[in-house]
Amino acid sequence: MSKGYWIGRVSISDSEAYKRYTEANAKAFADYGARFLVRAGPSELLEGDARERNVVIEFPTYQAALDCWHSADYQAARTLRKDASLIDLVVVEGYDGPQPGGG
């Protein structure tokens, strides 16, 4: 079964409210086995549009990634984020097929 990923691009307008969101989302993330792979580190825009913060969160399965977003705990946390930021968020299924160079 393939892993699932949240890929988010975020612009924060209220850092204190956004901090409350990050504290509140911890339970849902723990319950669904989330692991941060990228969490707002330095980035360089090479093409397209960007936001100030990028996040990639790995889940054990694609379904776990979807279930986390739909969970009551995450939706409660999400209400804290809605007025504090703009976000583009996509849930994607991981790829386990052939890689370039035969790897």
C-alpha atoms as a PDB file:
ATOM      1  CA  MET A   1       0.000   0.000   0.000  1.00  0.00           C
ATOM      2  CA  SER A   2       1.394   3.392  -1.001  1.00  0.00           C
ATOM      3  CA  LYS A   3       2.054   6.163   1.464  1.00  0.00           C
ATOM      4  CA  GLY A   4       0.028   9.359   1.371  1.00  0.00           C
ATOM      5  CA  TYR A   5       1.310  12.921   1.486  1.00  0.00           C
ATOM      6  CA  TRP A   6      -0.038  16.340   2.284  1.00  0.00           C
ATOM      7  CA  ILE A   7       1.693  19.002   0.233  1.00  0.00           C
ATOM      8  CA  GLY A   8       0.912  22.483   1.450  1.00  0.00           C
ATOM      9  CA  ARG A   9       1.927  26.004   0.529  1.00  0.00           C
ATOM     10  CA  VAL A  10       1.074  28.572   3.179  1.00  0.00           C
ATOM     11  CA  SER A  11       1.048  32.345   3.603  1.00  0.00           C
ATOM     12  CA  ILE A  12       0.584  33.360   7.240  1.00  0.00           C
ATOM     13  CA  SER A  13      -1.196  36.592   8.134  1.00  0.00           C
ATOM     14  CA  ASP A  14      -1.524  36.072  11.909  1.00  0.00           C
ATOM     15  CA  SER A  15       1.454  34.239  13.407  1.00  0.00           C
ATOM     16  CA  GLU A  16      -0.044  33.911  16.906  1.00  0.00           C
ATOM     17  CA  ALA A  17      -3.249  32.326  15.614  1.00  0.00           C
ATOM     18  CA  TYR A  18      -1.232  30.081  13.288  1.00  0.00           C
ATOM     19  CA  LYS A  19       0.856  28.939  16.257  1.00  0.00           C
ATOM     20  CA  ARG A  20      -2.353  27.906  18.037  1.00  0.00           C
ATOM     21  CA  TYR A  21      -3.287  25.894  14.932  1.00  0.00           C
ATOM     22  CA  THR A  22       0.062  24.064  14.893  1.00  0.00           C
ATOM     23  CA  GLU A  23      -0.381  23.192  18.570  1.00  0.00           C
ATOM     24  CA  ALA A  24      -3.956  22.009  17.996  1.00  0.00           C
ATOM     25  CA  ASN A  25      -3.196  19.839  14.948  1.00  0.00           C
ATOM     26  CA  ALA A  26      -0.651  17.677  16.809  1.00  0.00           C
ATOM     27  CA  LYS A  27      -3.231  15.177  18.112  1.00  0.00           C
ATOM     28  CA  ALA A  28      -4.712  14.465  14.686  1.00  0.00           C
ATOM     29  CA  PHE A  29      -1.261  14.118  13.151  1.00  0.00           C
ATOM     30  CA  ALA A  30      -0.169  11.702  15.892  1.00  0.00           C
ATOM     31  CA  ASP A  31      -3.380   9.676  15.601  1.00  0.00           C
ATOM     32  CA  TYR A  32      -2.880   9.172  11.846  1.00  0.00           C
ATOM     33  CA  GLY A  33       0.867   8.507  11.869  1.00  0.00           C
ATOM     34  CA  ALA A  34       1.945  11.790  10.262  1.00  0.00           C
ATOM     35  CA  ARG A  35       5.630  12.601   9.843  1.00  0.00           C
ATOM     36  CA  PHE A  36       6.925  15.980   8.660  1.00  0.00           C
ATOM     37  CA  LEU A  37       9.354  15.700   5.743  1.00  0.00           C
ATOM     38  CA  VAL A  38       9.406  19.446   4.992  1.00  0.00           C
ATOM     39  CA  ARG A  39       8.377  22.075   7.499  1.00  0.00           C
ATOM     40  CA  ALA A  40       8.975  25.661   6.443  1.00  0.00           C
ATOM     41  CA  GLY A  41      12.709  25.478   5.761  1.00  0.00           C
ATOM     42  CA  PRO A  42      14.516  27.662   3.234  1.00  0.00           C
ATOM     43  CA  SER A  43      13.236  27.373  -0.322  1.00  0.00           C
ATOM     44  CA  GLU A  44      13.944  28.897  -3.702  1.00  0.00           C
ATOM     45  CA  LEU A  45      11.236  29.512  -6.299  1.00  0.00           C
ATOM     46  CA  LEU A  46      12.379  28.176  -9.659  1.00  0.00           C
ATOM     47  CA  GLU A  47       9.081  28.309 -11.567  1.00  0.00           C
ATOM     48  CA  GLY A  48       5.469  29.311 -10.971  1.00  0.00           C
ATOM     49  CA  ASP A  49       4.043  30.985  -7.885  1.00  0.00           C
ATOM     50  CA  ALA A  50       5.095  30.545  -4.276  1.00  0.00           C
ATOM     51  CA  ARG A  51       3.931  31.135  -0.759  1.00  0.00           C
ATOM     52  CA  GLU A  52       6.278  31.876   2.148  1.00  0.00           C
ATOM     53  CA  ARG A  53       6.015  28.446   3.801  1.00  0.00           C
ATOM     54  CA  ASN A  54       6.053  24.919   2.337  1.00  0.00           C
ATOM     55  CA  VAL A  55       5.081  21.725   4.130  1.00  0.00           C
ATOM     56  CA  VAL A  56       5.216  18.044   3.143  1.00  0.00           C
ATOM     57  CA  ILE A  57       3.709  15.570   5.597  1.00  0.00           C
ATOM     58  CA  GLU A  58       3.988  11.809   5.097  1.00  0.00           C
ATOM     59  CA  PHE A  59       1.299   9.366   6.239  1.00  0.00           C
ATOM     60  CA  PRO A  60       1.515   5.566   6.338  1.00  0.00           C
ATOM     61  CA  THR A  61      -1.164   5.311   3.623  1.00  0.00           C
ATOM     62  CA  TYR A  62      -3.068   7.537   1.221  1.00  0.00           C
ATOM     63  CA  GLN A  63      -6.272   6.711   3.110  1.00  0.00           C
ATOM     64  CA  ALA A  64      -4.698   7.762   6.431  1.00  0.00           C
ATOM     65  CA  ALA A  65      -3.807  11.123   4.850  1.00  0.00           C
ATOM     66  CA  LEU A  66      -7.414  11.630   3.763  1.00  0.00           C
ATOM     67  CA  ASP A  67      -8.843  10.364   7.053  1.00  0.00           C
ATOM     68  CA  CYS A  68      -6.643  12.765   9.017  1.00  0.00           C
ATOM     69  CA  TRP A  69      -7.936  15.760   7.080  1.00  0.00           C
ATOM     70  CA  HIS A  70     -11.549  14.652   7.564  1.00  0.00           C
ATOM     71  CA  SER A  71     -11.110  13.856  11.281  1.00  0.00           C
ATOM     72  CA  ALA A  72     -12.950  15.876  13.895  1.00  0.00           C
ATOM     73  CA  ASP A  73      -9.643  16.707  15.616  1.00  0.00           C
ATOM     74  CA  TYR A  74      -8.071  18.145  12.469  1.00  0.00           C
ATOM     75  CA  GLN A  75     -11.209  20.034  11.467  1.00  0.00           C
ATOM     76  CA  ALA A  76     -11.266  21.655  14.913  1.00  0.00           C
ATOM     77  CA  ALA A  77      -7.628  22.690  14.489  1.00  0.00           C
ATOM     78  CA  ARG A  78      -8.335  23.886  10.955  1.00  0.00           C
ATOM     79  CA  THR A  79     -10.826  26.474  12.230  1.00  0.00           C
ATOM     80  CA  LEU A  80      -7.902  28.153  14.032  1.00  0.00           C
ATOM     81  CA  ARG A  81      -5.953  28.366  10.768  1.00  0.00           C
ATOM     82  CA  LYS A  82      -8.687  29.645   8.467  1.00  0.00           C
ATOM     83  CA  ASP A  83      -8.443  33.327   9.446  1.00  0.00           C
ATOM     84  CA  ALA A  84      -4.687  33.211  10.107  1.00  0.00           C
ATOM     85  CA  SER A  85      -3.434  32.064   6.728  1.00  0.00           C
ATOM     86  CA  LEU A  86      -4.014  31.244   3.087  1.00  0.00           C
ATOM     87  CA  ILE A  87      -3.186  27.691   2.098  1.00  0.00           C
ATOM     88  CA  ASP A  88      -3.045  25.498  -0.968  1.00  0.00           C
ATOM     89  CA  LEU A  89      -3.207  21.881   0.154  1.00  0.00           C
ATOM     90  CA  VAL A  90      -3.253  18.695  -1.884  1.00  0.00           C
ATOM     91  CA  VAL A  91      -3.292  15.085  -0.718  1.00  0.00           C
ATOM     92  CA  VAL A  92      -1.388  12.763  -3.048  1.00  0.00           C
ATOM     93  CA  GLU A  93      -0.662   9.070  -3.157  1.00  0.00           C
ATOM     94  CA  GLY A  94       2.991   8.025  -3.095  1.00  0.00           C
ATOM     95  CA  TYR A  95       4.640   6.302  -6.058  1.00  0.00           C
ATOM     96  CA  ASP A  96       6.317   2.924  -5.710  1.00  0.00           C
ATOM     97  CA  GLY A  97       7.054   2.204  -9.384  1.00  0.00           C
ATOM     98  CA  PRO A  98      10.226   2.218 -11.472  1.00  0.00           C
ATOM     99  CA  GLN A  99      12.648   5.100 -11.092  1.00  0.00           C
ATOM    100  CA  PRO A 100      14.959   6.781 -13.605  1.00  0.00           C
ATOM    101  CA  GLY A 101      18.171   4.824 -14.016  1.00  0.00           C
ATOM    102  CA  GLY A 102      16.491   1.547 -13.089  1.00  0.00           C
ATOM    103  CA  GLY A 103      16.490   2.225  -9.308  1.00  0.00           C
END
